[in-house]
C-alpha atoms as a PDB file:
ATOM      1  CA  MET A   1      -1.725  16.384   0.922  1.00  0.00           C
ATOM      2  CA  SER A   2       1.364  17.140   2.917  1.00  0.00           C
ATOM      3  CA  LEU A   3       4.409  18.836   1.462  1.00  0.00           C
ATOM      4  CA  GLY A   4       6.516  15.776   2.356  1.00  0.00           C
ATOM      5  CA  PHE A   5       4.304  13.536   0.254  1.00  0.00           C
ATOM      6  CA  GLN A   6       4.249  15.985  -2.652  1.00  0.00           C
ATOM      7  CA  ARG A   7       8.062  16.042  -2.703  1.00  0.00           C
ATOM      8  CA  TYR A   8       8.145  12.239  -2.520  1.00  0.00           C
ATOM      9  CA  TRP A   9       5.696  11.906  -5.383  1.00  0.00           C
ATOM     10  CA  ARG A  10       7.587  14.277  -7.679  1.00  0.00           C
ATOM     11  CA  ARG A  11      11.085  13.097  -6.830  1.00  0.00           C
ATOM     12  CA  GLU A  12      10.657   9.348  -6.624  1.00  0.00           C
ATOM     13  CA  ASN A  13       8.013   8.670  -9.234  1.00  0.00           C
ATOM     14  CA  ARG A  14       8.140  11.386 -11.852  1.00  0.00           C
ATOM     15  CA  ARG A  15       9.617   9.168 -14.586  1.00  0.00           C
ATOM     16  CA  HIS A  16       7.487   6.115 -13.990  1.00  0.00           C
ATOM     17  CA  TYR A  17       4.440   5.280 -16.063  1.00  0.00           C
ATOM     18  CA  ARG A  18       2.657   3.706 -13.137  1.00  0.00           C
ATOM     19  CA  ARG A  19       2.697   5.526  -9.840  1.00  0.00           C
ATOM     20  CA  GLU A  20       2.732   3.455  -6.699  1.00  0.00           C
ATOM     21  CA  ALA A  21       2.779   4.390  -3.074  1.00  0.00           C
ATOM     22  CA  THR A  22       2.285   1.766  -0.445  1.00  0.00           C
ATOM     23  CA  PRO A  23       1.011   2.649   3.020  1.00  0.00           C
ATOM     24  CA  TRP A  24       4.501   1.894   4.332  1.00  0.00           C
ATOM     25  CA  ASP A  25       6.148   4.270   1.823  1.00  0.00           C
ATOM     26  CA  LEU A  26       3.656   6.966   2.687  1.00  0.00           C
ATOM     27  CA  SER A  27       4.104   6.563   6.423  1.00  0.00           C
ATOM     28  CA  GLN A  28       7.796   7.292   5.901  1.00  0.00           C
ATOM     29  CA  ALA A  29       7.177  10.243   3.578  1.00  0.00           C
ATOM     30  CA  LEU A  30       4.530  11.718   5.872  1.00  0.00           C
ATOM     31  CA  GLY A  31       6.613  11.516   9.037  1.00  0.00           C
ATOM     32  CA  VAL A  32       4.755   8.686  10.773  1.00  0.00           C
ATOM     33  CA  THR A  33       7.220   5.933   9.906  1.00  0.00           C
ATOM     34  CA  GLY A  34       5.968   2.406  10.473  1.00  0.00           C
ATOM     35  CA  ASN A  35       2.360   3.459  11.046  1.00  0.00           C
ATOM     36  CA  PRO A  36       0.477   2.754   7.797  1.00  0.00           C
ATOM     37  CA  ASN A  37      -2.880   3.003   9.581  1.00  0.00           C
ATOM     38  CA  HIS A  38      -2.249   6.555  10.805  1.00  0.00           C
ATOM     39  CA  PRO A  39      -5.113   8.874   9.769  1.00  0.00           C
ATOM     40  CA  ILE A  40      -2.836  11.093   7.642  1.00  0.00           C
ATOM     41  CA  VAL A  41      -1.643   8.051   5.697  1.00  0.00           C
ATOM     42  CA  GLN A  42      -5.190   6.797   5.144  1.00  0.00           C
ATOM     43  CA  GLU A  43      -6.435  10.265   4.118  1.00  0.00           C
ATOM     44  CA  THR A  44      -3.555  10.602   1.667  1.00  0.00           C
ATOM     45  CA  MET A  45      -4.222   7.175   0.188  1.00  0.00           C
ATOM     46  CA  ASP A  46      -7.896   8.084  -0.259  1.00  0.00           C
ATOM     47  CA  ALA A  47      -6.889  11.326  -2.010  1.00  0.00           C
ATOM     48  CA  ILE A  48      -4.532   9.424  -4.313  1.00  0.00           C
ATOM     49  CA  VAL A  49      -7.280   7.021  -5.360  1.00  0.00           C
ATOM     50  CA  LYS A  50      -9.723   9.854  -5.994  1.00  0.00           C
ATOM     51  CA  LYS A  51      -7.261  11.879  -8.089  1.00  0.00           C
ATOM     52  CA  ALA A  52      -5.927   8.902 -10.021  1.00  0.00           C
ATOM     53  CA  ARG A  53      -9.387   7.595 -10.887  1.00  0.00           C
ATOM     54  CA  ALA A  54     -10.527  11.094 -11.912  1.00  0.00           C
ATOM     55  CA  ALA A  55      -7.525  11.239 -14.267  1.00  0.00           C
ATOM     56  CA  GLY A  56      -8.386   7.823 -15.721  1.00  0.00           C
ATOM     57  CA  LYS A  57      -5.358   6.132 -14.171  1.00  0.00           C
ATOM     58  CA  ALA A  58      -5.237   2.743 -12.532  1.00  0.00           C
ATOM     59  CA  VAL A  59      -4.308   2.743  -8.882  1.00  0.00           C
ATOM     60  CA  GLY A  60      -3.020  -0.023  -6.665  1.00  0.00           C
ATOM     61  CA  THR A  61      -1.374  -0.832  -3.381  1.00  0.00           C
ATOM     62  CA  ILE A  62      -0.484  -3.758  -1.154  1.00  0.00           C
ATOM     63  CA  CYS A  63      -2.383  -5.245   1.730  1.00  0.00           C
ATOM     64  CA  SER A  64      -1.978  -7.956   4.314  1.00  0.00           C
ATOM     65  CA  ASP A  65      -5.163 -10.018   4.105  1.00  0.00           C
ATOM     66  CA  ALA A  66      -8.276 -10.761   2.066  1.00  0.00           C
ATOM     67  CA  GLU A  67     -10.589  -8.582   4.178  1.00  0.00           C
ATOM     68  CA  GLN A  68      -8.365  -5.565   3.653  1.00  0.00           C
ATOM     69  CA  ALA A  69      -8.249  -6.342  -0.080  1.00  0.00           C
ATOM     70  CA  LYS A  70     -12.065  -6.266  -0.206  1.00  0.00           C
ATOM     71  CA  ARG A  71     -12.117  -2.857   1.511  1.00  0.00           C
ATOM     72  CA  LEU A  72      -9.520  -1.505  -0.914  1.00  0.00           C
ATOM     73  CA  ILE A  73     -11.520  -2.727  -3.912  1.00  0.00           C
ATOM     74  CA  GLU A  74     -14.573  -0.947  -2.511  1.00  0.00           C
ATOM     75  CA  LYS A  75     -12.488   2.247  -2.263  1.00  0.00           C
ATOM     76  CA  GLY A  76     -11.603   2.022  -5.960  1.00  0.00           C
ATOM     77  CA  TYR A  77      -8.235   0.283  -6.089  1.00  0.00           C
ATOM     78  CA  GLN A  78      -7.799  -1.692  -9.291  1.00  0.00           C
ATOM     79  CA  TYR A  79      -4.755  -3.817  -8.541  1.00  0.00           C
ATOM     80  CA  ILE A  80      -3.735  -5.098  -5.142  1.00  0.00           C
ATOM     81  CA  GLY A  81      -0.686  -7.008  -4.044  1.00  0.00           C
ATOM     82  CA  LEU A  82      -1.805  -9.423  -1.361  1.00  0.00           C
ATOM     83  CA  GLY A  83       1.072  -9.589   1.107  1.00  0.00           C
ATOM     84  CA  GLY A  84       4.726  -9.487   0.311  1.00  0.00           C
ATOM     85  CA  ASP A  85       7.544 -11.942  -0.068  1.00  0.00           C
ATOM     86  CA  LEU A  86       8.536 -11.851   3.601  1.00  0.00           C
ATOM     87  CA  ASN A  87       4.933 -12.313   4.664  1.00  0.00           C
ATOM     88  CA  PHE A  88       4.527 -15.357   2.421  1.00  0.00           C
ATOM     89  CA  ILE A  89       7.872 -16.854   3.469  1.00  0.00           C
ATOM     90  CA  GLY A  90       7.030 -16.392   7.162  1.00  0.00           C
ATOM     91  CA  THR A  91       3.546 -17.837   6.804  1.00  0.00           C
ATOM     92  CA  LEU A  92       4.754 -20.846   4.842  1.00  0.00           C
ATOM     93  CA  GLY A  93       7.671 -21.383   7.251  1.00  0.00           C
ATOM     94  CA  LYS A  94       5.326 -21.418  10.246  1.00  0.00           C
ATOM     95  CA  LYS A  95       3.059 -23.880   8.443  1.00  0.00           C
ATOM     96  CA  TYR A  96       5.974 -26.227   7.713  1.00  0.00           C
ATOM     97  CA  ILE A  97       7.297 -26.063  11.266  1.00  0.00           C
ATOM     98  CA  LYS A  98       3.843 -26.865  12.624  1.00  0.00           C
ATOM     99  CA  GLU A  99       3.554 -29.825  10.237  1.00  0.00           C
ATOM    100  CA  ILE A 100       7.021 -31.115  11.169  1.00  0.00           C
ATOM    101  CA  LYS A 101       6.322 -30.891  14.893  1.00  0.00           C
ATOM    102  CA  GLY A 102       3.022 -32.643  14.342  1.00  0.00           C
END
């Protein structure tokens, strides 16, 4: 793992019982801001899952759709946030506008 991520992990999460790092957080910490699919982000996420599971810890993240959630479950994630508040608000808003316009 990169030194930037190691600093992030120690500084930001050292007092928390549950450790979380979303792909977006990691992209920032790893110097590829806004690119959660960058190979370094994905490799780091895979390493986190492996180490957390080996230590008997639950590991989770967020994702944007059901297909991605299935892939994350296959990789060993145990809790997954499907989307975020802005995603749900935007999706529901588009649905309502479409219904209103007919």
